[in-house]
Amino acid sequence: MTLWDLNKGETANVSHLCEHLDDSVSTRLVEMGFEADQSITCLRRSLFAGPLVVQVGDCVYSLEQTVAEQIFISTK
């Protein structure tokens, strides 16, 4: 299951990042808090495959589908 599959209001933990991600993208996601066992909550899903708004710790991020599909999660 990827972060893109998370519904509004649901919480999950990061399992891992896609191993085929560009190193710069992977590094940036880890800097933002998207690392193993980090809790993530979906705050909003935009219409028509628009960005996904998630909360990681005290921060809120908006992610495009192509990025969110590279973050694997496990539901609680």
PDB file of N, CA and C in Angstrom:
ATOM      1  N   MET A   1       0.857  -1.175   0.000  1.00  0.00           N
ATOM      2  CA  MET A   1       0.000   0.000   0.000  1.00  0.00           C
ATOM      3  C   MET A   1       0.903   1.239   0.000  1.00  0.00           C
ATOM      4  N   THR A   2       0.530   2.242  -0.776  1.00  0.00           N
ATOM      5  CA  THR A   2       1.325   3.472  -0.819  1.00  0.00           C
ATOM      6  C   THR A   2       0.572   4.620  -0.144  1.00  0.00           C
ATOM      7  N   LEU A   3       1.277   5.689   0.087  1.00  0.00           N
ATOM      8  CA  LEU A   3       0.669   6.863   0.708  1.00  0.00           C
ATOM      9  C   LEU A   3      -0.497   7.382  -0.125  1.00  0.00           C
ATOM     10  N   TRP A   4      -0.428   7.221  -1.431  1.00  0.00           N
ATOM     11  CA  TRP A   4      -1.505   7.685  -2.307  1.00  0.00           C
ATOM     12  C   TRP A   4      -2.815   6.955  -2.017  1.00  0.00           C
ATOM     13  N   ASP A   5      -2.756   5.756  -1.449  1.00  0.00           N
ATOM     14  CA  ASP A   5      -3.953   4.958  -1.150  1.00  0.00           C
ATOM     15  C   ASP A   5      -4.624   5.353   0.164  1.00  0.00           C
ATOM     16  N   LEU A   6      -3.990   6.199   0.951  1.00  0.00           N
ATOM     17  CA  LEU A   6      -4.525   6.590   2.254  1.00  0.00           C
ATOM     18  C   LEU A   6      -5.717   7.531   2.072  1.00  0.00           C
ATOM     19  N   ASN A   7      -6.797   7.256   2.758  1.00  0.00           N
ATOM     20  CA  ASN A   7      -8.000   8.081   2.678  1.00  0.00           C
ATOM     21  C   ASN A   7      -7.948   9.223   3.682  1.00  0.00           C
ATOM     22  N   LYS A   8      -8.728  10.247   3.432  1.00  0.00           N
ATOM     23  CA  LYS A   8      -8.803  11.398   4.331  1.00  0.00           C
ATOM     24  C   LYS A   8      -9.154  10.951   5.745  1.00  0.00           C
ATOM     25  N   GLY A   9      -8.383  11.443   6.709  1.00  0.00           N
ATOM     26  CA  GLY A   9      -8.623  11.131   8.106  1.00  0.00           C
ATOM     27  C   GLY A   9      -7.918   9.873   8.599  1.00  0.00           C
ATOM     28  N   GLU A  10      -7.370   9.081   7.690  1.00  0.00           N
ATOM     29  CA  GLU A  10      -6.677   7.857   8.086  1.00  0.00           C
ATOM     30  C   GLU A  10      -5.233   8.148   8.482  1.00  0.00           C
ATOM     31  N   THR A  11      -4.715   7.302   9.355  1.00  0.00           N
ATOM     32  CA  THR A  11      -3.332   7.399   9.808  1.00  0.00           C
ATOM     33  C   THR A  11      -2.622   6.091   9.503  1.00  0.00           C
ATOM     34  N   ALA A  12      -1.354   6.193   9.130  1.00  0.00           N
ATOM     35  CA  ALA A  12      -0.537   5.017   8.840  1.00  0.00           C
ATOM     36  C   ALA A  12       0.905   5.325   9.219  1.00  0.00           C
ATOM     37  N   ASN A  13       1.750   4.317   9.126  1.00  0.00           N
ATOM     38  CA  ASN A  13       3.179   4.495   9.361  1.00  0.00           C
ATOM     39  C   ASN A  13       3.932   4.277   8.061  1.00  0.00           C
ATOM     40  N   VAL A  14       5.004   5.023   7.879  1.00  0.00           N
ATOM     41  CA  VAL A  14       5.857   4.807   6.712  1.00  0.00           C
ATOM     42  C   VAL A  14       6.524   3.451   6.870  1.00  0.00           C
ATOM     43  N   SER A  15       6.444   2.653   5.830  1.00  0.00           N
ATOM     44  CA  SER A  15       7.125   1.363   5.805  1.00  0.00           C
ATOM     45  C   SER A  15       8.519   1.547   5.206  1.00  0.00           C
ATOM     46  N   HIS A  16       8.546   2.095   3.971  1.00  0.00           N
ATOM     47  CA  HIS A  16       9.815   2.367   3.295  1.00  0.00           C
ATOM     48  C   HIS A  16       9.558   3.220   2.055  1.00  0.00           C
ATOM     49  N   LEU A  17      10.623   3.757   1.512  1.00  0.00           N
ATOM     50  CA  LEU A  17      10.549   4.519   0.269  1.00  0.00           C
ATOM     51  C   LEU A  17      10.931   3.594  -0.877  1.00  0.00           C
ATOM     52  N   CYS A  18      10.399   3.861  -2.040  1.00  0.00           N
ATOM     53  CA  CYS A  18      10.711   3.067  -3.224  1.00  0.00           C
ATOM     54  C   CYS A  18      12.217   3.098  -3.472  1.00  0.00           C
ATOM     55  N   GLU A  19      12.786   1.940  -3.713  1.00  0.00           N
ATOM     56  CA  GLU A  19      14.239   1.860  -3.920  1.00  0.00           C
ATOM     57  C   GLU A  19      14.678   2.479  -5.237  1.00  0.00           C
ATOM     58  N   HIS A  20      13.745   2.739  -6.142  1.00  0.00           N
ATOM     59  CA  HIS A  20      14.085   3.308  -7.447  1.00  0.00           C
ATOM     60  C   HIS A  20      13.966   4.831  -7.483  1.00  0.00           C
ATOM     61  N   LEU A  21      13.660   5.434  -6.335  1.00  0.00           N
ATOM     62  CA  LEU A  21      13.567   6.895  -6.266  1.00  0.00           C
ATOM     63  C   LEU A  21      14.927   7.527  -6.529  1.00  0.00           C
ATOM     64  N   ASP A  22      14.920   8.654  -7.183  1.00  0.00           N
ATOM     65  CA  ASP A  22      16.147   9.428  -7.366  1.00  0.00           C
ATOM     66  C   ASP A  22      16.711   9.764  -5.988  1.00  0.00           C
ATOM     67  N   ASP A  23      18.017   9.692  -5.845  1.00  0.00           N
ATOM     68  CA  ASP A  23      18.651   9.938  -4.543  1.00  0.00           C
ATOM     69  C   ASP A  23      18.294  11.296  -3.956  1.00  0.00           C
ATOM     70  N   SER A  24      18.212  12.315  -4.792  1.00  0.00           N
ATOM     71  CA  SER A  24      17.898  13.655  -4.273  1.00  0.00           C
ATOM     72  C   SER A  24      16.474  13.715  -3.724  1.00  0.00           C
ATOM     73  N   VAL A  25      15.538  13.020  -4.371  1.00  0.00           N
ATOM     74  CA  VAL A  25      14.148  12.982  -3.903  1.00  0.00           C
ATOM     75  C   VAL A  25      14.065  12.181  -2.608  1.00  0.00           C
ATOM     76  N   SER A  26      14.711  11.038  -2.589  1.00  0.00           N
ATOM     77  CA  SER A  26      14.716  10.192  -1.400  1.00  0.00           C
ATOM     78  C   SER A  26      15.313  10.934  -0.199  1.00  0.00           C
ATOM     79  N   THR A  27      16.424  11.592  -0.410  1.00  0.00           N
ATOM     80  CA  THR A  27      17.073  12.357   0.662  1.00  0.00           C
ATOM     81  C   THR A  27      16.161  13.453   1.175  1.00  0.00           C
ATOM     82  N   ARG A  28      15.512  14.162   0.281  1.00  0.00           N
ATOM     83  CA  ARG A  28      14.618  15.250   0.685  1.00  0.00           C
ATOM     84  C   ARG A  28      13.425  14.721   1.469  1.00  0.00           C
ATOM     85  N   LEU A  29      12.851  13.604   1.039  1.00  0.00           N
ATOM     86  CA  LEU A  29      11.717  13.025   1.763  1.00  0.00           C
ATOM     87  C   LEU A  29      12.122  12.632   3.179  1.00  0.00           C
ATOM     88  N   VAL A  30      13.293  12.051   3.347  1.00  0.00           N
ATOM     89  CA  VAL A  30      13.772  11.681   4.678  1.00  0.00           C
ATOM     90  C   VAL A  30      13.977  12.938   5.523  1.00  0.00           C
ATOM     91  N   GLU A  31      14.528  13.989   4.941  1.00  0.00           N
ATOM     92  CA  GLU A  31      14.706  15.255   5.658  1.00  0.00           C
ATOM     93  C   GLU A  31      13.363  15.828   6.115  1.00  0.00           C
ATOM     94  N   MET A  32      12.316  15.584   5.332  1.00  0.00           N
ATOM     95  CA  MET A  32      10.978  16.070   5.673  1.00  0.00           C
ATOM     96  C   MET A  32      10.294  15.197   6.722  1.00  0.00           C
ATOM     97  N   GLY A  33      10.869  14.026   7.020  1.00  0.00           N
ATOM     98  CA  GLY A  33      10.302  13.153   8.042  1.00  0.00           C
ATOM     99  C   GLY A  33       9.687  11.869   7.531  1.00  0.00           C
ATOM    100  N   PHE A  34       9.754  11.638   6.237  1.00  0.00           N
ATOM    101  CA  PHE A  34       9.184  10.419   5.658  1.00  0.00           C
ATOM    102  C   PHE A  34      10.187   9.280   5.784  1.00  0.00           C
ATOM    103  N   GLU A  35      10.296   8.735   6.998  1.00  0.00           N
ATOM    104  CA  GLU A  35      11.213   7.629   7.245  1.00  0.00           C
ATOM    105  C   GLU A  35      10.487   6.523   7.976  1.00  0.00           C
ATOM    106  N   ALA A  36      11.094   5.352   8.016  1.00  0.00           N
ATOM    107  CA  ALA A  36      10.452   4.153   8.576  1.00  0.00           C
ATOM    108  C   ALA A  36       9.851   4.408   9.951  1.00  0.00           C
ATOM    109  N   ASP A  37       8.629   3.921  10.126  1.00  0.00           N
ATOM    110  CA  ASP A  37       7.852   3.982  11.371  1.00  0.00           C
ATOM    111  C   ASP A  37       7.308   5.362  11.729  1.00  0.00           C
ATOM    112  N   GLN A  38       7.528   6.357  10.880  1.00  0.00           N
ATOM    113  CA  GLN A  38       6.972   7.693  11.128  1.00  0.00           C
ATOM    114  C   GLN A  38       5.471   7.667  10.857  1.00  0.00           C
ATOM    115  N   SER A  39       4.698   8.229  11.752  1.00  0.00           N
ATOM    116  CA  SER A  39       3.245   8.292  11.610  1.00  0.00           C
ATOM    117  C   SER A  39       2.858   9.412  10.635  1.00  0.00           C
ATOM    118  N   ILE A  40       1.896   9.108   9.759  1.00  0.00           N
ATOM    119  CA  ILE A  40       1.405  10.075   8.763  1.00  0.00           C
ATOM    120  C   ILE A  40      -0.121  10.067   8.799  1.00  0.00           C
ATOM    121  N   THR A  41      -0.711  11.254   8.756  1.00  0.00           N
ATOM    122  CA  THR A  41      -2.167  11.387   8.693  1.00  0.00           C
ATOM    123  C   THR A  41      -2.551  12.116   7.421  1.00  0.00           C
ATOM    124  N   CYS A  42      -3.526  11.580   6.700  1.00  0.00           N
ATOM    125  CA  CYS A  42      -4.032  12.241   5.499  1.00  0.00           C
ATOM    126  C   CYS A  42      -5.037  13.311   5.916  1.00  0.00           C
ATOM    127  N   LEU A  43      -4.738  14.559   5.602  1.00  0.00           N
ATOM    128  CA  LEU A  43      -5.624  15.667   5.962  1.00  0.00           C
ATOM    129  C   LEU A  43      -6.609  16.010   4.853  1.00  0.00           C
ATOM    130  N   ARG A  44      -6.172  15.823   3.581  1.00  0.00           N
ATOM    131  CA  ARG A  44      -7.056  16.187   2.472  1.00  0.00           C
ATOM    132  C   ARG A  44      -6.631  15.479   1.196  1.00  0.00           C
ATOM    133  N   ARG A  45      -7.621  15.075   0.440  1.00  0.00           N
ATOM    134  CA  ARG A  45      -7.399  14.526  -0.895  1.00  0.00           C
ATOM    135  C   ARG A  45      -8.056  15.489  -1.881  1.00  0.00           C
ATOM    136  N   SER A  46      -7.301  15.992  -2.807  1.00  0.00           N
ATOM    137  CA  SER A  46      -7.824  16.917  -3.807  1.00  0.00           C
ATOM    138  C   SER A  46      -8.522  16.147  -4.921  1.00  0.00           C
ATOM    139  N   LEU A  47      -9.410  16.825  -5.603  1.00  0.00           N
ATOM    140  CA  LEU A  47     -10.130  16.227  -6.724  1.00  0.00           C
ATOM    141  C   LEU A  47      -9.221  16.035  -7.927  1.00  0.00           C
ATOM    142  N   PHE A  48      -9.602  15.121  -8.783  1.00  0.00           N
ATOM    143  CA  PHE A  48      -8.939  14.900 -10.067  1.00  0.00           C
ATOM    144  C   PHE A  48      -7.447  14.646  -9.931  1.00  0.00           C
ATOM    145  N   ALA A  49      -7.075  13.777  -9.010  1.00  0.00           N
ATOM    146  CA  ALA A  49      -5.674  13.386  -8.797  1.00  0.00           C
ATOM    147  C   ALA A  49      -4.797  14.578  -8.432  1.00  0.00           C
ATOM    148  N   GLY A  50      -5.398  15.560  -7.790  1.00  0.00           N
ATOM    149  CA  GLY A  50      -4.627  16.706  -7.302  1.00  0.00           C
ATOM    150  C   GLY A  50      -3.779  16.293  -6.119  1.00  0.00           C
ATOM    151  N   PRO A  51      -3.056  17.219  -5.537  1.00  0.00           N
ATOM    152  CA  PRO A  51      -2.134  16.866  -4.454  1.00  0.00           C
ATOM    153  C   PRO A  51      -2.828  16.286  -3.218  1.00  0.00           C
ATOM    154  N   LEU A  52      -2.073  15.483  -2.515  1.00  0.00           N
ATOM    155  CA  LEU A  52      -2.481  14.867  -1.263  1.00  0.00           C
ATOM    156  C   LEU A  52      -1.863  15.693  -0.141  1.00  0.00           C
ATOM    157  N   VAL A  53      -2.655  16.074   0.846  1.00  0.00           N
ATOM    158  CA  VAL A  53      -2.144  16.874   1.963  1.00  0.00           C
ATOM    159  C   VAL A  53      -2.038  15.964   3.185  1.00  0.00           C
ATOM    160  N   VAL A  54      -0.824  15.850   3.710  1.00  0.00           N
ATOM    161  CA  VAL A  54      -0.570  14.950   4.834  1.00  0.00           C
ATOM    162  C   VAL A  54       0.148  15.681   5.958  1.00  0.00           C
ATOM    163  N   GLN A  55      -0.018  15.145   7.167  1.00  0.00           N
ATOM    164  CA  GLN A  55       0.692  15.668   8.327  1.00  0.00           C
ATOM    165  C   GLN A  55       1.712  14.639   8.770  1.00  0.00           C
ATOM    166  N   VAL A  56       2.948  15.102   8.922  1.00  0.00           N
ATOM    167  CA  VAL A  56       4.052  14.275   9.404  1.00  0.00           C
ATOM    168  C   VAL A  56       4.624  15.006  10.604  1.00  0.00           C
ATOM    169  N   GLY A  57       4.428  14.461  11.778  1.00  0.00           N
ATOM    170  CA  GLY A  57       4.852  15.166  12.994  1.00  0.00           C
ATOM    171  C   GLY A  57       4.086  16.466  13.118  1.00  0.00           C
ATOM    172  N   ASP A  58       4.806  17.583  13.267  1.00  0.00           N
ATOM    173  CA  ASP A  58       4.179  18.898  13.378  1.00  0.00           C
ATOM    174  C   ASP A  58       4.072  19.615  12.038  1.00  0.00           C
ATOM    175  N   CYS A  59       4.473  18.971  10.954  1.00  0.00           N
ATOM    176  CA  CYS A  59       4.516  19.613   9.632  1.00  0.00           C
ATOM    177  C   CYS A  59       3.411  19.086   8.724  1.00  0.00           C
ATOM    178  N   VAL A  60       2.979  19.945   7.815  1.00  0.00           N
ATOM    179  CA  VAL A  60       1.962  19.582   6.825  1.00  0.00           C
ATOM    180  C   VAL A  60       2.583  19.746   5.439  1.00  0.00           C
ATOM    181  N   TYR A  61       2.411  18.710   4.606  1.00  0.00           N
ATOM    182  CA  TYR A  61       2.986  18.715   3.266  1.00  0.00           C
ATOM    183  C   TYR A  61       1.925  18.386   2.225  1.00  0.00           C
ATOM    184  N   SER A  62       2.135  18.908   1.042  1.00  0.00           N
ATOM    185  CA  SER A  62       1.297  18.614  -0.107  1.00  0.00           C
ATOM    186  C   SER A  62       2.160  17.831  -1.092  1.00  0.00           C
ATOM    187  N   LEU A  63       1.714  16.634  -1.463  1.00  0.00           N
ATOM    188  CA  LEU A  63       2.502  15.772  -2.344  1.00  0.00           C
ATOM    189  C   LEU A  63       1.730  15.429  -3.605  1.00  0.00           C
ATOM    190  N   GLU A  64       2.427  15.432  -4.727  1.00  0.00           N
ATOM    191  CA  GLU A  64       1.833  14.996  -5.985  1.00  0.00           C
ATOM    192  C   GLU A  64       1.694  13.480  -5.986  1.00  0.00           C
ATOM    193  N   GLN A  65       0.817  12.973  -6.817  1.00  0.00           N
ATOM    194  CA  GLN A  65       0.569  11.542  -6.897  1.00  0.00           C
ATOM    195  C   GLN A  65       1.848  10.764  -7.203  1.00  0.00           C
ATOM    196  N   THR A  66       2.670  11.270  -8.119  1.00  0.00           N
ATOM    197  CA  THR A  66       3.877  10.540  -8.506  1.00  0.00           C
ATOM    198  C   THR A  66       4.843  10.355  -7.342  1.00  0.00           C
ATOM    199  N   VAL A  67       4.859  11.288  -6.395  1.00  0.00           N
ATOM    200  CA  VAL A  67       5.718  11.165  -5.216  1.00  0.00           C
ATOM    201  C   VAL A  67       5.047  10.293  -4.175  1.00  0.00           C
ATOM    202  N   ALA A  68       3.768  10.527  -3.911  1.00  0.00           N
ATOM    203  CA  ALA A  68       3.039   9.772  -2.886  1.00  0.00           C
ATOM    204  C   ALA A  68       3.012   8.273  -3.195  1.00  0.00           C
ATOM    205  N   GLU A  69       3.038   7.911  -4.470  1.00  0.00           N
ATOM    206  CA  GLU A  69       3.031   6.500  -4.852  1.00  0.00           C
ATOM    207  C   GLU A  69       4.385   5.821  -4.607  1.00  0.00           C
ATOM    208  N   GLN A  70       5.390   6.585  -4.256  1.00  0.00           N
ATOM    209  CA  GLN A  70       6.726   6.039  -4.000  1.00  0.00           C
ATOM    210  C   GLN A  70       7.002   5.871  -2.493  1.00  0.00           C
ATOM    211  N   ILE A  71       6.005   6.225  -1.668  1.00  0.00           N
ATOM    212  CA  ILE A  71       6.128   6.106  -0.215  1.00  0.00           C
ATOM    213  C   ILE A  71       5.207   4.975   0.224  1.00  0.00           C
ATOM    214  N   PHE A  72       5.799   3.887   0.679  1.00  0.00           N
ATOM    215  CA  PHE A  72       5.015   2.714   1.087  1.00  0.00           C
ATOM    216  C   PHE A  72       4.674   2.826   2.569  1.00  0.00           C
ATOM    217  N   ILE A  73       3.436   2.421   2.893  1.00  0.00           N
ATOM    218  CA  ILE A  73       2.928   2.584   4.262  1.00  0.00           C
ATOM    219  C   ILE A  73       2.345   1.279   4.778  1.00  0.00           C
ATOM    220  N   SER A  74       2.187   1.233   6.094  1.00  0.00           N
ATOM    221  CA  SER A  74       1.442   0.150   6.721  1.00  0.00           C
ATOM    222  C   SER A  74       0.411   0.806   7.619  1.00  0.00           C
ATOM    223  N   THR A  75      -0.831   0.326   7.531  1.00  0.00           N
ATOM    224  CA  THR A  75      -1.898   0.912   8.332  1.00  0.00           C
ATOM    225  C   THR A  75      -1.849   0.349   9.736  1.00  0.00           C
ATOM    226  N   LYS A  76      -2.351   1.132  10.667  1.00  0.00           N
ATOM    227  CA  LYS A  76      -2.337   0.732  12.085  1.00  0.00           C
ATOM    228  C   LYS A  76      -3.446  -0.229  12.376  1.00  0.00           C
TER     229      LYS A  76
END
